[in-house]
Amino acid sequence: ATGRAMNYLAEDISMIDIDCEYYICNDGGVIFDRYFN
């Protein structure tokens, strides 16, 4: 759960292998699933 936008978050998670089910971005303004839908 982050204040970052997904494109900004993706810069730092694209090179790691993290088993994350959801990404809550923009302080809760949007939720992406593990496949970024």
PDB file of all heavy atoms in Angstrom:
ATOM      1  N   ALA A   1       0.861  -1.184   0.000  1.00  0.00           N
ATOM      2  CA  ALA A   1       0.000   0.000   0.000  1.00  0.00           C
ATOM      3  C   ALA A   1       0.895   1.230   0.000  1.00  0.00           C
ATOM      4  O   ALA A   1       1.607   1.486   0.970  1.00  0.00           O
ATOM      5  CB  ALA A   1      -0.923   0.003   1.213  1.00  0.00           C
ATOM      6  N   THR A   2       0.859   1.999  -1.065  1.00  0.00           N
ATOM      7  CA  THR A   2       1.801   3.098  -1.239  1.00  0.00           C
ATOM      8  C   THR A   2       1.127   4.369  -1.742  1.00  0.00           C
ATOM      9  O   THR A   2       0.054   4.306  -2.354  1.00  0.00           O
ATOM     10  CB  THR A   2       2.911   2.675  -2.236  1.00  0.00           C
ATOM     11  OG1 THR A   2       3.817   3.765  -2.443  1.00  0.00           O
ATOM     12  CG2 THR A   2       2.329   2.262  -3.572  1.00  0.00           C
ATOM     13  N   GLY A   3       1.779   5.484  -1.506  1.00  0.00           N
ATOM     14  CA  GLY A   3       1.325   6.733  -2.089  1.00  0.00           C
ATOM     15  C   GLY A   3       1.769   6.885  -3.530  1.00  0.00           C
ATOM     16  O   GLY A   3       1.301   7.781  -4.237  1.00  0.00           O
ATOM     17  N   ARG A   4       2.667   6.016  -3.977  1.00  0.00           N
ATOM     18  CA  ARG A   4       3.176   6.101  -5.349  1.00  0.00           C
ATOM     19  C   ARG A   4       2.127   5.699  -6.374  1.00  0.00           C
ATOM     20  O   ARG A   4       1.241   4.892  -6.105  1.00  0.00           O
ATOM     21  CB  ARG A   4       4.362   5.165  -5.525  1.00  0.00           C
ATOM     22  CG  ARG A   4       5.615   5.478  -4.742  1.00  0.00           C
ATOM     23  CD  ARG A   4       6.745   4.656  -5.294  1.00  0.00           C
ATOM     24  NE  ARG A   4       7.958   4.682  -4.492  1.00  0.00           N
ATOM     25  CZ  ARG A   4       9.148   4.331  -4.956  1.00  0.00           C
ATOM     26  NH1 ARG A   4       9.280   3.918  -6.208  1.00  0.00           N
ATOM     27  NH2 ARG A   4      10.197   4.360  -4.177  1.00  0.00           N
ATOM     28  N   ALA A   5       2.285   6.244  -7.579  1.00  0.00           N
ATOM     29  CA  ALA A   5       1.545   5.747  -8.730  1.00  0.00           C
ATOM     30  C   ALA A   5       2.195   4.442  -9.189  1.00  0.00           C
ATOM     31  O   ALA A   5       3.365   4.194  -8.907  1.00  0.00           O
ATOM     32  CB  ALA A   5       1.575   6.768  -9.869  1.00  0.00           C
ATOM     33  N   MET A   6       1.445   3.611  -9.897  1.00  0.00           N
ATOM     34  CA  MET A   6       1.964   2.313 -10.303  1.00  0.00           C
ATOM     35  C   MET A   6       3.210   2.431 -11.173  1.00  0.00           C
ATOM     36  O   MET A   6       4.171   1.670 -11.013  1.00  0.00           O
ATOM     37  CB  MET A   6       0.887   1.508 -11.021  1.00  0.00           C
ATOM     38  CG  MET A   6       1.382   0.192 -11.641  1.00  0.00           C
ATOM     39  SD  MET A   6       2.348  -0.850 -10.503  1.00  0.00           S
ATOM     40  CE  MET A   6       1.043  -1.563  -9.520  1.00  0.00           C
ATOM     41  N   ASN A   7       3.232   3.382 -12.116  1.00  0.00           N
ATOM     42  CA  ASN A   7       4.401   3.493 -12.988  1.00  0.00           C
ATOM     43  C   ASN A   7       5.663   3.840 -12.195  1.00  0.00           C
ATOM     44  O   ASN A   7       6.760   3.392 -12.517  1.00  0.00           O
ATOM     45  CB  ASN A   7       4.167   4.524 -14.087  1.00  0.00           C
ATOM     46  CG  ASN A   7       3.902   5.918 -13.550  1.00  0.00           C
ATOM     47  OD1 ASN A   7       3.110   6.090 -12.626  1.00  0.00           O
ATOM     48  ND2 ASN A   7       4.532   6.917 -14.131  1.00  0.00           N
ATOM     49  N   TYR A   8       5.498   4.605 -11.126  1.00  0.00           N
ATOM     50  CA  TYR A   8       6.634   4.970 -10.279  1.00  0.00           C
ATOM     51  C   TYR A   8       7.038   3.807  -9.379  1.00  0.00           C
ATOM     52  O   TYR A   8       8.215   3.546  -9.159  1.00  0.00           O
ATOM     53  CB  TYR A   8       6.267   6.207  -9.467  1.00  0.00           C
ATOM     54  CG  TYR A   8       7.370   6.795  -8.640  1.00  0.00           C
ATOM     55  CD1 TYR A   8       8.698   6.771  -9.067  1.00  0.00           C
ATOM     56  CD2 TYR A   8       7.083   7.393  -7.424  1.00  0.00           C
ATOM     57  CE1 TYR A   8       9.707   7.323  -8.299  1.00  0.00           C
ATOM     58  CE2 TYR A   8       8.089   7.947  -6.636  1.00  0.00           C
ATOM     59  CZ  TYR A   8       9.402   7.904  -7.082  1.00  0.00           C
ATOM     60  OH  TYR A   8      10.392   8.444  -6.312  1.00  0.00           O
ATOM     61  N   LEU A   9       6.049   3.079  -8.873  1.00  0.00           N
ATOM     62  CA  LEU A   9       6.343   1.894  -8.068  1.00  0.00           C
ATOM     63  C   LEU A   9       7.040   0.832  -8.906  1.00  0.00           C
ATOM     64  O   LEU A   9       7.981   0.173  -8.445  1.00  0.00           O
ATOM     65  CB  LEU A   9       5.045   1.328  -7.489  1.00  0.00           C
ATOM     66  CG  LEU A   9       5.158   0.021  -6.697  1.00  0.00           C
ATOM     67  CD1 LEU A   9       5.982   0.226  -5.426  1.00  0.00           C
ATOM     68  CD2 LEU A   9       3.769  -0.520  -6.357  1.00  0.00           C
ATOM     69  N   ALA A  10       6.581   0.664 -10.148  1.00  0.00           N
ATOM     70  CA  ALA A  10       7.119  -0.386 -11.021  1.00  0.00           C
ATOM     71  C   ALA A  10       8.619  -0.243 -11.253  1.00  0.00           C
ATOM     72  O   ALA A  10       9.310  -1.237 -11.482  1.00  0.00           O
ATOM     73  CB  ALA A  10       6.375  -0.380 -12.353  1.00  0.00           C
ATOM     74  N   GLU A  11       9.126   0.982 -11.186  1.00  0.00           N
ATOM     75  CA  GLU A  11      10.554   1.198 -11.389  1.00  0.00           C
ATOM     76  C   GLU A  11      11.390   0.428 -10.375  1.00  0.00           C
ATOM     77  O   GLU A  11      12.479  -0.052 -10.681  1.00  0.00           O
ATOM     78  CB  GLU A  11      10.883   2.697 -11.286  1.00  0.00           C
ATOM     79  CG  GLU A  11      10.285   3.541 -12.398  1.00  0.00           C
ATOM     80  CD  GLU A  11      10.588   5.016 -12.201  1.00  0.00           C
ATOM     81  OE1 GLU A  11      11.399   5.343 -11.294  1.00  0.00           O
ATOM     82  OE2 GLU A  11      10.028   5.849 -12.930  1.00  0.00           O
ATOM     83  N   ASP A  12      10.867   0.295  -9.151  1.00  0.00           N
ATOM     84  CA  ASP A  12      11.645  -0.333  -8.084  1.00  0.00           C
ATOM     85  C   ASP A  12      11.262  -1.783  -7.805  1.00  0.00           C
ATOM     86  O   ASP A  12      11.950  -2.465  -7.044  1.00  0.00           O
ATOM     87  CB  ASP A  12      11.522   0.483  -6.795  1.00  0.00           C
ATOM     88  CG  ASP A  12      12.290   1.791  -6.879  1.00  0.00           C
ATOM     89  OD1 ASP A  12      13.465   1.753  -7.276  1.00  0.00           O
ATOM     90  OD2 ASP A  12      11.710   2.842  -6.572  1.00  0.00           O
ATOM     91  N   ILE A  13      10.165  -2.266  -8.391  1.00  0.00           N
ATOM     92  CA  ILE A  13       9.798  -3.668  -8.168  1.00  0.00           C
ATOM     93  C   ILE A  13      10.003  -4.532  -9.404  1.00  0.00           C
ATOM     94  O   ILE A  13       9.889  -5.756  -9.330  1.00  0.00           O
ATOM     95  CB  ILE A  13       8.343  -3.815  -7.671  1.00  0.00           C
ATOM     96  CG1 ILE A  13       7.337  -3.332  -8.729  1.00  0.00           C
ATOM     97  CG2 ILE A  13       8.153  -3.077  -6.350  1.00  0.00           C
ATOM     98  CD1 ILE A  13       5.906  -3.643  -8.376  1.00  0.00           C
ATOM     99  N   SER A  14      10.322  -3.913 -10.543  1.00  0.00           N
ATOM    100  CA  SER A  14      10.424  -4.669 -11.794  1.00  0.00           C
ATOM    101  C   SER A  14      11.604  -5.633 -11.797  1.00  0.00           C
ATOM    102  O   SER A  14      11.572  -6.639 -12.505  1.00  0.00           O
ATOM    103  CB  SER A  14      10.545  -3.713 -12.989  1.00  0.00           C
ATOM    104  OG  SER A  14      11.704  -2.906 -12.874  1.00  0.00           O
ATOM    105  N   MET A  15      12.640  -5.355 -11.010  1.00  0.00           N
ATOM    106  CA  MET A  15      13.841  -6.179 -11.022  1.00  0.00           C
ATOM    107  C   MET A  15      13.911  -7.140  -9.837  1.00  0.00           C
ATOM    108  O   MET A  15      14.931  -7.787  -9.627  1.00  0.00           O
ATOM    109  CB  MET A  15      15.084  -5.292 -11.038  1.00  0.00           C
ATOM    110  CG  MET A  15      15.159  -4.352 -12.229  1.00  0.00           C
ATOM    111  SD  MET A  15      15.128  -5.235 -13.813  1.00  0.00           S
ATOM    112  CE  MET A  15      16.721  -6.055 -13.742  1.00  0.00           C
ATOM    113  N   ILE A  16      12.824  -7.232  -9.062  1.00  0.00           N
ATOM    114  CA  ILE A  16      12.825  -8.137  -7.914  1.00  0.00           C
ATOM    115  C   ILE A  16      11.704  -9.158  -8.058  1.00  0.00           C
ATOM    116  O   ILE A  16      10.763  -8.975  -8.823  1.00  0.00           O
ATOM    117  CB  ILE A  16      12.649  -7.374  -6.582  1.00  0.00           C
ATOM    118  CG1 ILE A  16      11.287  -6.648  -6.564  1.00  0.00           C
ATOM    119  CG2 ILE A  16      13.786  -6.408  -6.353  1.00  0.00           C
ATOM    120  CD1 ILE A  16      10.932  -6.068  -5.221  1.00  0.00           C
ATOM    121  N   ASP A  17      11.808 -10.232  -7.314  1.00  0.00           N
ATOM    122  CA  ASP A  17      10.798 -11.278  -7.315  1.00  0.00           C
ATOM    123  C   ASP A  17      10.075 -11.237  -5.978  1.00  0.00           C
ATOM    124  O   ASP A  17      10.521 -11.818  -4.991  1.00  0.00           O
ATOM    125  CB  ASP A  17      11.467 -12.646  -7.533  1.00  0.00           C
ATOM    126  CG  ASP A  17      10.452 -13.775  -7.534  1.00  0.00           C
ATOM    127  OD1 ASP A  17       9.259 -13.493  -7.738  1.00  0.00           O
ATOM    128  OD2 ASP A  17      10.860 -14.942  -7.328  1.00  0.00           O
ATOM    129  N   ILE A  18       8.954 -10.508  -5.942  1.00  0.00           N
ATOM    130  CA  ILE A  18       8.178 -10.374  -4.711  1.00  0.00           C
ATOM    131  C   ILE A  18       6.793 -10.966  -4.927  1.00  0.00           C
ATOM    132  O   ILE A  18       6.129 -10.664  -5.923  1.00  0.00           O
ATOM    133  CB  ILE A  18       8.092  -8.902  -4.251  1.00  0.00           C
ATOM    134  CG1 ILE A  18       7.319  -8.797  -2.940  1.00  0.00           C
ATOM    135  CG2 ILE A  18       7.499  -8.004  -5.323  1.00  0.00           C
ATOM    136  CD1 ILE A  18       7.384  -7.431  -2.292  1.00  0.00           C
ATOM    137  N   ASP A  19       6.370 -11.805  -4.008  1.00  0.00           N
ATOM    138  CA  ASP A  19       5.083 -12.489  -4.127  1.00  0.00           C
ATOM    139  C   ASP A  19       4.004 -11.614  -3.502  1.00  0.00           C
ATOM    140  O   ASP A  19       3.641 -11.766  -2.334  1.00  0.00           O
ATOM    141  CB  ASP A  19       5.150 -13.849  -3.440  1.00  0.00           C
ATOM    142  CG  ASP A  19       4.039 -14.783  -3.904  1.00  0.00           C
ATOM    143  OD1 ASP A  19       3.053 -14.281  -4.467  1.00  0.00           O
ATOM    144  OD2 ASP A  19       4.176 -16.001  -3.714  1.00  0.00           O
ATOM    145  N   CYS A  20       3.506 -10.672  -4.301  1.00  0.00           N
ATOM    146  CA  CYS A  20       2.544  -9.672  -3.828  1.00  0.00           C
ATOM    147  C   CYS A  20       1.190  -9.900  -4.513  1.00  0.00           C
ATOM    148  O   CYS A  20       1.124  -9.981  -5.733  1.00  0.00           O
ATOM    149  CB  CYS A  20       3.078  -8.268  -4.134  1.00  0.00           C
ATOM    150  SG  CYS A  20       2.076  -6.938  -3.478  1.00  0.00           S
ATOM    151  N   GLU A  21       0.137  -9.977  -3.726  1.00  0.00           N
ATOM    152  CA  GLU A  21      -1.193 -10.283  -4.268  1.00  0.00           C
ATOM    153  C   GLU A  21      -1.894  -9.050  -4.821  1.00  0.00           C
ATOM    154  O   GLU A  21      -2.587  -9.116  -5.834  1.00  0.00           O
ATOM    155  CB  GLU A  21      -2.060 -10.919  -3.189  1.00  0.00           C
ATOM    156  CG  GLU A  21      -3.357 -11.536  -3.706  1.00  0.00           C
ATOM    157  CD  GLU A  21      -3.119 -12.768  -4.567  1.00  0.00           C
ATOM    158  OE1 GLU A  21      -2.063 -13.410  -4.440  1.00  0.00           O
ATOM    159  OE2 GLU A  21      -4.011 -13.088  -5.388  1.00  0.00           O
ATOM    160  N   TYR A  22      -1.742  -7.913  -4.152  1.00  0.00           N
ATOM    161  CA  TYR A  22      -2.364  -6.660  -4.601  1.00  0.00           C
ATOM    162  C   TYR A  22      -1.386  -5.510  -4.393  1.00  0.00           C
ATOM    163  O   TYR A  22      -0.546  -5.540  -3.493  1.00  0.00           O
ATOM    164  CB  TYR A  22      -3.644  -6.339  -3.808  1.00  0.00           C
ATOM    165  CG  TYR A  22      -4.740  -7.352  -3.937  1.00  0.00           C
ATOM    166  CD1 TYR A  22      -4.967  -8.286  -2.932  1.00  0.00           C
ATOM    167  CD2 TYR A  22      -5.565  -7.385  -5.069  1.00  0.00           C
ATOM    168  CE1 TYR A  22      -5.981  -9.225  -3.033  1.00  0.00           C
ATOM    169  CE2 TYR A  22      -6.581  -8.327  -5.181  1.00  0.00           C
ATOM    170  CZ  TYR A  22      -6.781  -9.237  -4.166  1.00  0.00           C
ATOM    171  OH  TYR A  22      -7.782 -10.174  -4.269  1.00  0.00           O
ATOM    172  N   TYR A  23      -1.556  -4.494  -5.237  1.00  0.00           N
ATOM    173  CA  TYR A  23      -0.805  -3.249  -5.107  1.00  0.00           C
ATOM    174  C   TYR A  23      -1.817  -2.121  -4.923  1.00  0.00           C
ATOM    175  O   TYR A  23      -2.547  -1.768  -5.861  1.00  0.00           O
ATOM    176  CB  TYR A  23       0.049  -2.989  -6.344  1.00  0.00           C
ATOM    177  CG  TYR A  23       1.042  -4.089  -6.644  1.00  0.00           C
ATOM    178  CD1 TYR A  23       0.709  -5.145  -7.500  1.00  0.00           C
ATOM    179  CD2 TYR A  23       2.318  -4.079  -6.089  1.00  0.00           C
ATOM    180  CE1 TYR A  23       1.611  -6.156  -7.780  1.00  0.00           C
ATOM    181  CE2 TYR A  23       3.233  -5.084  -6.365  1.00  0.00           C
ATOM    182  CZ  TYR A  23       2.871  -6.118  -7.208  1.00  0.00           C
ATOM    183  OH  TYR A  23       3.764  -7.125  -7.479  1.00  0.00           O
ATOM    184  N   ILE A  24      -1.871  -1.571  -3.720  1.00  0.00           N
ATOM    185  CA  ILE A  24      -2.730  -0.417  -3.439  1.00  0.00           C
ATOM    186  C   ILE A  24      -1.883   0.822  -3.709  1.00  0.00           C
ATOM    187  O   ILE A  24      -0.903   1.082  -3.000  1.00  0.00           O
ATOM    188  CB  ILE A  24      -3.220  -0.436  -1.983  1.00  0.00           C
ATOM    189  CG1 ILE A  24      -4.085  -1.669  -1.726  1.00  0.00           C
ATOM    190  CG2 ILE A  24      -3.981   0.848  -1.650  1.00  0.00           C
ATOM    191  CD1 ILE A  24      -4.436  -1.886  -0.254  1.00  0.00           C
ATOM    192  N   CYS A  25      -2.231   1.579  -4.736  1.00  0.00           N
ATOM    193  CA  CYS A  25      -1.438   2.751  -5.136  1.00  0.00           C
ATOM    194  C   CYS A  25      -2.213   4.044  -4.906  1.00  0.00           C
ATOM    195  O   CYS A  25      -3.417   4.027  -4.637  1.00  0.00           O
ATOM    196  CB  CYS A  25      -1.031   2.619  -6.604  1.00  0.00           C
ATOM    197  SG  CYS A  25       0.108   1.254  -6.933  1.00  0.00           S
ATOM    198  N   ASN A  26      -1.492   5.150  -5.034  1.00  0.00           N
ATOM    199  CA  ASN A  26      -2.096   6.482  -4.867  1.00  0.00           C
ATOM    200  C   ASN A  26      -2.859   6.597  -3.552  1.00  0.00           C
ATOM    201  O   ASN A  26      -3.964   7.146  -3.503  1.00  0.00           O
ATOM    202  CB  ASN A  26      -3.012   6.817  -6.054  1.00  0.00           C
ATOM    203  CG  ASN A  26      -2.250   6.925  -7.354  1.00  0.00           C
ATOM    204  OD1 ASN A  26      -1.024   6.960  -7.359  1.00  0.00           O
ATOM    205  ND2 ASN A  26      -2.961   6.945  -8.469  1.00  0.00           N
ATOM    206  N   ASP A  27      -2.262   6.046  -2.483  1.00  0.00           N
ATOM    207  CA  ASP A  27      -2.848   6.118  -1.142  1.00  0.00           C
ATOM    208  C   ASP A  27      -4.228   5.489  -1.060  1.00  0.00           C
ATOM    209  O   ASP A  27      -5.039   5.866  -0.216  1.00  0.00           O
ATOM    210  CB  ASP A  27      -2.903   7.571  -0.650  1.00  0.00           C
ATOM    211  CG  ASP A  27      -1.528   8.101  -0.287  1.00  0.00           C
ATOM    212  OD1 ASP A  27      -0.789   7.387   0.405  1.00  0.00           O
ATOM    213  OD2 ASP A  27      -1.191   9.227  -0.699  1.00  0.00           O
ATOM    214  N   GLY A  28      -4.514   4.548  -1.955  1.00  0.00           N
ATOM    215  CA  GLY A  28      -5.807   3.869  -1.935  1.00  0.00           C
ATOM    216  C   GLY A  28      -6.723   4.265  -3.071  1.00  0.00           C
ATOM    217  O   GLY A  28      -7.846   3.762  -3.167  1.00  0.00           O
ATOM    218  N   GLY A  29      -6.250   5.124  -3.951  1.00  0.00           N
ATOM    219  CA  GLY A  29      -7.081   5.569  -5.066  1.00  0.00           C
ATOM    220  C   GLY A  29      -7.302   4.495  -6.115  1.00  0.00           C
ATOM    221  O   GLY A  29      -8.285   4.530  -6.864  1.00  0.00           O
ATOM    222  N   VAL A  30      -6.396   3.510  -6.168  1.00  0.00           N
ATOM    223  CA  VAL A  30      -6.503   2.440  -7.157  1.00  0.00           C
ATOM    224  C   VAL A  30      -5.857   1.183  -6.590  1.00  0.00           C
ATOM    225  O   VAL A  30      -4.888   1.255  -5.843  1.00  0.00           O
ATOM    226  CB  VAL A  30      -5.827   2.849  -8.497  1.00  0.00           C
ATOM    227  CG1 VAL A  30      -4.354   3.153  -8.318  1.00  0.00           C
ATOM    228  CG2 VAL A  30      -6.041   1.797  -9.575  1.00  0.00           C
ATOM    229  N   ILE A  31      -6.446   0.035  -6.937  1.00  0.00           N
ATOM    230  CA  ILE A  31      -5.896  -1.255  -6.529  1.00  0.00           C
ATOM    231  C   ILE A  31      -5.644  -2.093  -7.773  1.00  0.00           C
ATOM    232  O   ILE A  31      -6.540  -2.262  -8.612  1.00  0.00           O
ATOM    233  CB  ILE A  31      -6.844  -2.023  -5.590  1.00  0.00           C
ATOM    234  CG1 ILE A  31      -7.227  -1.178  -4.377  1.00  0.00           C
ATOM    235  CG2 ILE A  31      -6.196  -3.342  -5.136  1.00  0.00           C
ATOM    236  CD1 ILE A  31      -8.286  -1.818  -3.501  1.00  0.00           C
ATOM    237  N   PHE A  32      -4.426  -2.621  -7.883  1.00  0.00           N
ATOM    238  CA  PHE A  32      -4.068  -3.555  -8.952  1.00  0.00           C
ATOM    239  C   PHE A  32      -3.917  -4.945  -8.360  1.00  0.00           C
ATOM    240  O   PHE A  32      -3.437  -5.100  -7.226  1.00  0.00           O
ATOM    241  CB  PHE A  32      -2.728  -3.160  -9.590  1.00  0.00           C
ATOM    242  CG  PHE A  32      -2.726  -1.815 -10.249  1.00  0.00           C
ATOM    243  CD1 PHE A  32      -2.453  -0.662  -9.528  1.00  0.00           C
ATOM    244  CD2 PHE A  32      -2.977  -1.691 -11.616  1.00  0.00           C
ATOM    245  CE1 PHE A  32      -2.437   0.581 -10.140  1.00  0.00           C
ATOM    246  CE2 PHE A  32      -2.958  -0.453 -12.237  1.00  0.00           C
ATOM    247  CZ  PHE A  32      -2.689   0.684 -11.498  1.00  0.00           C
ATOM    248  N   ASP A  33      -4.306  -5.972  -9.130  1.00  0.00           N
ATOM    249  CA  ASP A  33      -4.048  -7.332  -8.676  1.00  0.00           C
ATOM    250  C   ASP A  33      -2.616  -7.730  -9.013  1.00  0.00           C
ATOM    251  O   ASP A  33      -1.847  -6.927  -9.548  1.00  0.00           O
ATOM    252  CB  ASP A  33      -5.073  -8.317  -9.240  1.00  0.00           C
ATOM    253  CG  ASP A  33      -4.987  -8.506 -10.760  1.00  0.00           C
ATOM    254  OD1 ASP A  33      -3.972  -8.115 -11.375  1.00  0.00           O
ATOM    255  OD2 ASP A  33      -5.948  -9.050 -11.336  1.00  0.00           O
ATOM    256  N   ARG A  34      -2.239  -8.962  -8.740  1.00  0.00           N
ATOM    257  CA  ARG A  34      -0.858  -9.406  -8.936  1.00  0.00           C
ATOM    258  C   ARG A  34      -0.438  -9.368 -10.402  1.00  0.00           C
ATOM    259  O   ARG A  34       0.747  -9.341 -10.709  1.00  0.00           O
ATOM    260  CB  ARG A  34      -0.663 -10.800  -8.361  1.00  0.00           C
ATOM    261  CG  ARG A  34      -1.439 -11.894  -9.040  1.00  0.00           C
ATOM    262  CD  ARG A  34      -1.288 -13.235  -8.310  1.00  0.00           C
ATOM    263  NE  ARG A  34       0.078 -13.666  -8.238  1.00  0.00           N
ATOM    264  CZ  ARG A  34       0.778 -13.784  -7.116  1.00  0.00           C
ATOM    265  NH1 ARG A  34       0.220 -13.500  -5.949  1.00  0.00           N
ATOM    266  NH2 ARG A  34       2.024 -14.203  -7.134  1.00  0.00           N
ATOM    267  N   TYR A  35      -1.430  -9.326 -11.314  1.00  0.00           N
ATOM    268  CA  TYR A  35      -1.132  -9.264 -12.749  1.00  0.00           C
ATOM    269  C   TYR A  35      -1.253  -7.841 -13.289  1.00  0.00           C
ATOM    270  O   TYR A  35      -1.270  -7.626 -14.491  1.00  0.00           O
ATOM    271  CB  TYR A  35      -2.061 -10.199 -13.506  1.00  0.00           C
ATOM    272  CG  TYR A  35      -2.020 -11.618 -12.981  1.00  0.00           C
ATOM    273  CD1 TYR A  35      -3.082 -12.134 -12.244  1.00  0.00           C
ATOM    274  CD2 TYR A  35      -0.899 -12.430 -13.173  1.00  0.00           C
ATOM    275  CE1 TYR A  35      -3.036 -13.431 -11.737  1.00  0.00           C
ATOM    276  CE2 TYR A  35      -0.850 -13.721 -12.667  1.00  0.00           C
ATOM    277  CZ  TYR A  35      -1.921 -14.212 -11.946  1.00  0.00           C
ATOM    278  OH  TYR A  35      -1.872 -15.489 -11.438  1.00  0.00           O
ATOM    279  N   PHE A  36      -1.412  -6.867 -12.376  1.00  0.00           N
ATOM    280  CA  PHE A  36      -1.478  -5.437 -12.695  1.00  0.00           C
ATOM    281  C   PHE A  36      -2.769  -5.048 -13.420  1.00  0.00           C
ATOM    282  O   PHE A  36      -2.811  -4.067 -14.149  1.00  0.00           O
ATOM    283  CB  PHE A  36      -0.245  -4.988 -13.479  1.00  0.00           C
ATOM    284  CG  PHE A  36       1.041  -5.327 -12.779  1.00  0.00           C
ATOM    285  CD1 PHE A  36       1.852  -6.346 -13.229  1.00  0.00           C
ATOM    286  CD2 PHE A  36       1.423  -4.636 -11.637  1.00  0.00           C
ATOM    287  CE1 PHE A  36       3.029  -6.680 -12.570  1.00  0.00           C
ATOM    288  CE2 PHE A  36       2.588  -4.957 -10.964  1.00  0.00           C
ATOM    289  CZ  PHE A  36       3.394  -5.985 -11.426  1.00  0.00           C
ATOM    290  N   ASN A  37      -3.828  -5.833 -13.206  1.00  0.00           N
ATOM    291  CA  ASN A  37      -5.167  -5.451 -13.648  1.00  0.00           C
ATOM    292  C   ASN A  37      -5.800  -4.570 -12.567  1.00  0.00           C
ATOM    293  O   ASN A  37      -5.641  -4.830 -11.371  1.00  0.00           O
ATOM    294  CB  ASN A  37      -6.049  -6.678 -13.856  1.00  0.00           C
ATOM    295  CG  ASN A  37      -5.490  -7.617 -14.906  1.00  0.00           C
ATOM    296  OD1 ASN A  37      -5.229  -7.214 -16.033  1.00  0.00           O
ATOM    297  ND2 ASN A  37      -5.306  -8.881 -14.538  1.00  0.00           N
TER     298      ASN A  37
END
